[in-house]
């Protein structure tokens, strides 16, 4: 799919919410944008410090998990949203997708000339390859720097995927490609799912319970997320 056609699909996603927003023409502050390939390391640590200050947690595991969950949700939103609109998987790898941060840690994304794979291909292998390219080096950093377990990282990735599906079903009803079955297939891959309970019905939507916790409840004002493994449990121990 050509860059103008893919840019058009990405523009149609933007009204769905901030997680679906990406610039496809050079922003006025283009010089401040950096490739997402540079995210694992000091760039992620700086982002975590900003978010940790806003949450009141400091720049530790809780803030890092929160940043990770939001970041993965943006990746899923752009990739799966483009497919849901009938396009191919967009070529938004870590060397092509660029980001910058506000002083509060809110990210903005820019995809220069965003082409896509043919829409006739099975999108699941390409979606898996795209997310793995972003997440494999980032997860290595999160395990080493913050001590986040693979279990938590897989749970965040799965939770972000199912959250994206819910938004697409709610705000793009009758889209050319149903994202529900695609998510079911993606969640069966060992690095993108956490063996949580995923149910999808075309009429009723998505139900999901992850097998881990993102740690957000440990923020000063945090609560348990709707898909948290601790929902209904006695106490809050463990993650």
Foldseek 3Di string as FASTA:
>chain_A
DWLVVLQVLLVVLPVLDDLSDAAADQDPVNVQKDQLVPCQDPVLQVLLQLQCVVLVNGSAQLSSLVVLLSVLLSLLLNQVSSLLQQAAGKPRARRFKIWHADSNNDIYIYGYSIDHDGSPDDRLVVSVVRVCRNVVSNVVSCCVPHVDDLLLSLLSLLVSNLVSLQSCCVPVPPGPDRCLVSSVVNQPDPNNHNPWDWDADNVPGIDTAHPAASCQCVGPPGDGDPRYPCVVPDDDDHD
